[in-house]
Amino acid sequence: MSLGGKKLRSVVVTAVLAGSGLAVAPVAAAESGLLGDAITLTSAGVCVGHIHFETVFGTETPYFGLVSALHGLGPCSVEAAVHWRNLDTGAGGTVRHRIYGTGGTQIEFDPGAGHITGTITTDAPHKPGSFEFQRQTP
């Protein structure tokens, strides 16, 4: 018996979630204080992987990186959302970027100087990632 696209995706998603112990939770339910990669399925293709936030250009610039490793069947892609907050000033925002397969991509936001925290979510079933860093005065 042949499995249709949606049924196959459902079977793969169920297997991945059950096998990995991945608990899909909304951002509000994410545990604070834990830093790590977002673990995600994809919204295109039947894939699974992770997305990591990096201050690859240094904490004093408005340029940051998302490094991904998405593997599976089809065009592995997902929309990532980086939700950031400056704990010293109260400023915050969200930057969205489409991630494709494995590699790195540059995102831009200017959180100002201070203690910056944030989460990474996607438009597919996922476990949010988080990050934290101290940004210097430019």
Protein backbone atom coordinates (compact mmCIF):
# COMPACT_ATOMS: atom_id res chain seq x y z
CA MET A 1 0.00 0.00 0.00
CA SER A 2 1.38 3.41 -0.99
CA LEU A 3 1.31 6.25 1.49
CA GLY A 4 0.11 9.66 0.26
CA GLY A 5 2.19 12.79 0.95
CA LYS A 6 0.19 14.03 3.96
CA LYS A 7 -0.16 10.53 5.43
CA LEU A 8 3.56 9.83 4.95
CA ARG A 9 4.43 13.16 6.59
CA SER A 10 2.11 12.34 9.51
CA VAL A 11 3.76 8.93 9.97
CA VAL A 12 7.26 10.46 9.84
CA VAL A 13 6.32 13.29 12.22
CA THR A 14 4.82 10.83 14.70
CA ALA A 15 7.90 8.59 14.51
CA VAL A 16 10.32 11.50 14.92
CA LEU A 17 8.42 12.99 17.85
CA ALA A 18 8.01 9.64 19.59
CA GLY A 19 11.57 8.49 18.92
CA SER A 20 13.29 11.69 19.94
CA GLY A 21 11.19 12.57 22.94
CA LEU A 22 10.58 15.96 21.30
CA ALA A 23 7.88 17.82 23.17
CA VAL A 24 6.30 20.46 20.99
CA ALA A 25 5.50 23.46 23.17
CA PRO A 26 4.52 27.05 22.51
CA VAL A 27 7.12 29.74 23.18
CA ALA A 28 5.41 30.78 26.42
CA ALA A 29 5.91 27.28 27.80
CA ALA A 30 9.63 27.18 26.97
CA GLU A 31 11.85 26.78 30.00
CA SER A 32 13.74 29.99 30.70
CA GLY A 33 17.42 29.98 31.46
CA LEU A 34 18.21 27.10 29.12
CA LEU A 35 20.34 27.91 26.11
CA GLY A 36 20.34 25.77 23.03
CA ASP A 37 19.31 25.01 19.52
CA ALA A 38 15.76 24.97 18.26
CA ILE A 39 14.88 21.43 17.19
CA THR A 40 12.35 21.40 14.40
CA LEU A 41 10.50 19.57 11.72
CA THR A 42 10.12 21.51 8.47
CA SER A 43 7.17 23.19 6.80
CA ALA A 44 8.45 22.08 3.37
CA GLY A 45 9.72 18.57 2.81
CA VAL A 46 9.73 15.75 5.35
CA CYS A 47 12.76 16.78 7.36
CA VAL A 48 14.07 17.30 10.87
CA GLY A 49 16.98 19.29 12.20
CA HIS A 50 18.21 22.11 14.40
CA ILE A 51 18.82 25.86 14.20
CA HIS A 52 21.50 27.59 16.27
CA PHE A 53 21.85 31.35 17.00
CA GLU A 54 25.36 32.83 16.84
CA THR A 55 26.93 36.22 17.44
CA VAL A 56 29.25 35.41 14.52
CA PHE A 57 30.06 39.05 13.78
CA GLY A 58 30.65 40.00 17.42
CA THR A 59 28.18 41.26 19.97
CA GLU A 60 28.77 44.93 19.08
CA THR A 61 27.28 44.69 15.54
CA PRO A 62 23.61 44.38 14.50
CA TYR A 63 24.44 41.28 12.42
CA PHE A 64 23.91 37.80 13.77
CA GLY A 65 23.80 34.30 12.32
CA LEU A 66 21.47 31.35 12.18
CA VAL A 67 23.23 28.06 11.52
CA SER A 68 21.01 25.18 10.47
CA ALA A 69 21.21 21.47 9.79
CA LEU A 70 17.95 20.24 8.23
CA HIS A 71 17.93 16.74 6.73
CA GLY A 72 15.29 14.51 5.18
CA LEU A 73 13.21 14.15 2.04
CA GLY A 74 12.36 17.00 -0.26
CA PRO A 75 13.20 20.67 -0.08
CA CYS A 76 13.96 20.97 3.64
CA SER A 77 12.93 24.46 4.64
CA VAL A 78 11.26 26.22 7.55
CA GLU A 79 10.59 29.81 8.59
CA ALA A 80 12.58 30.67 11.70
CA ALA A 81 11.57 33.50 14.00
CA VAL A 82 14.12 35.07 16.35
CA HIS A 83 12.32 36.77 19.25
CA TRP A 84 14.73 39.01 21.20
CA ARG A 85 14.49 41.21 24.29
CA ASN A 86 16.96 43.66 25.84
CA LEU A 87 16.54 43.11 29.58
CA ASP A 88 18.22 46.43 30.42
CA THR A 89 16.13 48.71 28.16
CA GLY A 90 12.96 46.69 27.63
CA ALA A 91 13.35 46.88 23.83
CA GLY A 92 12.35 43.79 21.90
CA GLY A 93 11.36 42.49 18.52
CA THR A 94 11.09 39.57 16.14
CA VAL A 95 13.11 38.84 13.00
CA ARG A 96 11.88 36.17 10.57
CA HIS A 97 13.94 34.35 7.97
CA ARG A 98 13.34 31.31 5.73
CA ILE A 99 15.96 28.60 6.37
CA TYR A 100 16.90 26.11 3.66
CA GLY A 101 18.75 22.85 4.37
CA THR A 102 22.15 23.03 6.01
CA GLY A 103 24.28 26.14 6.28
CA GLY A 104 24.34 29.61 7.69
CA THR A 105 22.42 32.78 7.07
CA GLN A 106 22.78 36.34 8.31
CA ILE A 107 20.00 38.18 10.13
CA GLU A 108 19.98 41.78 11.28
CA PHE A 109 18.49 43.51 14.30
CA ASP A 110 19.77 46.20 16.64
CA PRO A 111 18.91 45.39 20.26
CA GLY A 112 21.03 48.20 21.74
CA ALA A 113 23.60 47.73 24.48
CA GLY A 114 22.73 45.47 27.38
CA HIS A 115 21.78 41.95 28.39
CA ILE A 116 20.03 40.32 25.40
CA THR A 117 17.94 37.16 25.62
CA GLY A 118 15.79 35.45 23.06
CA THR A 119 14.14 32.40 21.62
CA ILE A 120 14.10 30.74 18.22
CA THR A 121 10.81 29.28 16.98
CA THR A 122 9.64 27.97 13.61
CA ASP A 123 6.43 27.65 11.59
CA ALA A 124 6.52 23.85 11.99
CA PRO A 125 6.33 21.57 15.05
CA HIS A 126 9.42 22.40 17.13
CA LYS A 127 11.12 22.70 20.49
CA PRO A 128 12.15 26.36 20.90
CA GLY A 129 15.80 27.26 21.16
CA SER A 130 17.17 30.09 23.26
CA PHE A 131 20.15 32.41 23.44
CA GLU A 132 21.63 35.01 25.76
CA PHE A 133 24.54 37.43 25.46
CA GLN A 134 25.83 40.78 26.71
CA ARG A 135 25.98 43.39 23.95
CA GLN A 136 28.63 46.08 24.15
CA THR A 137 27.99 49.75 23.42
CA PRO A 138 28.68 50.28 19.69
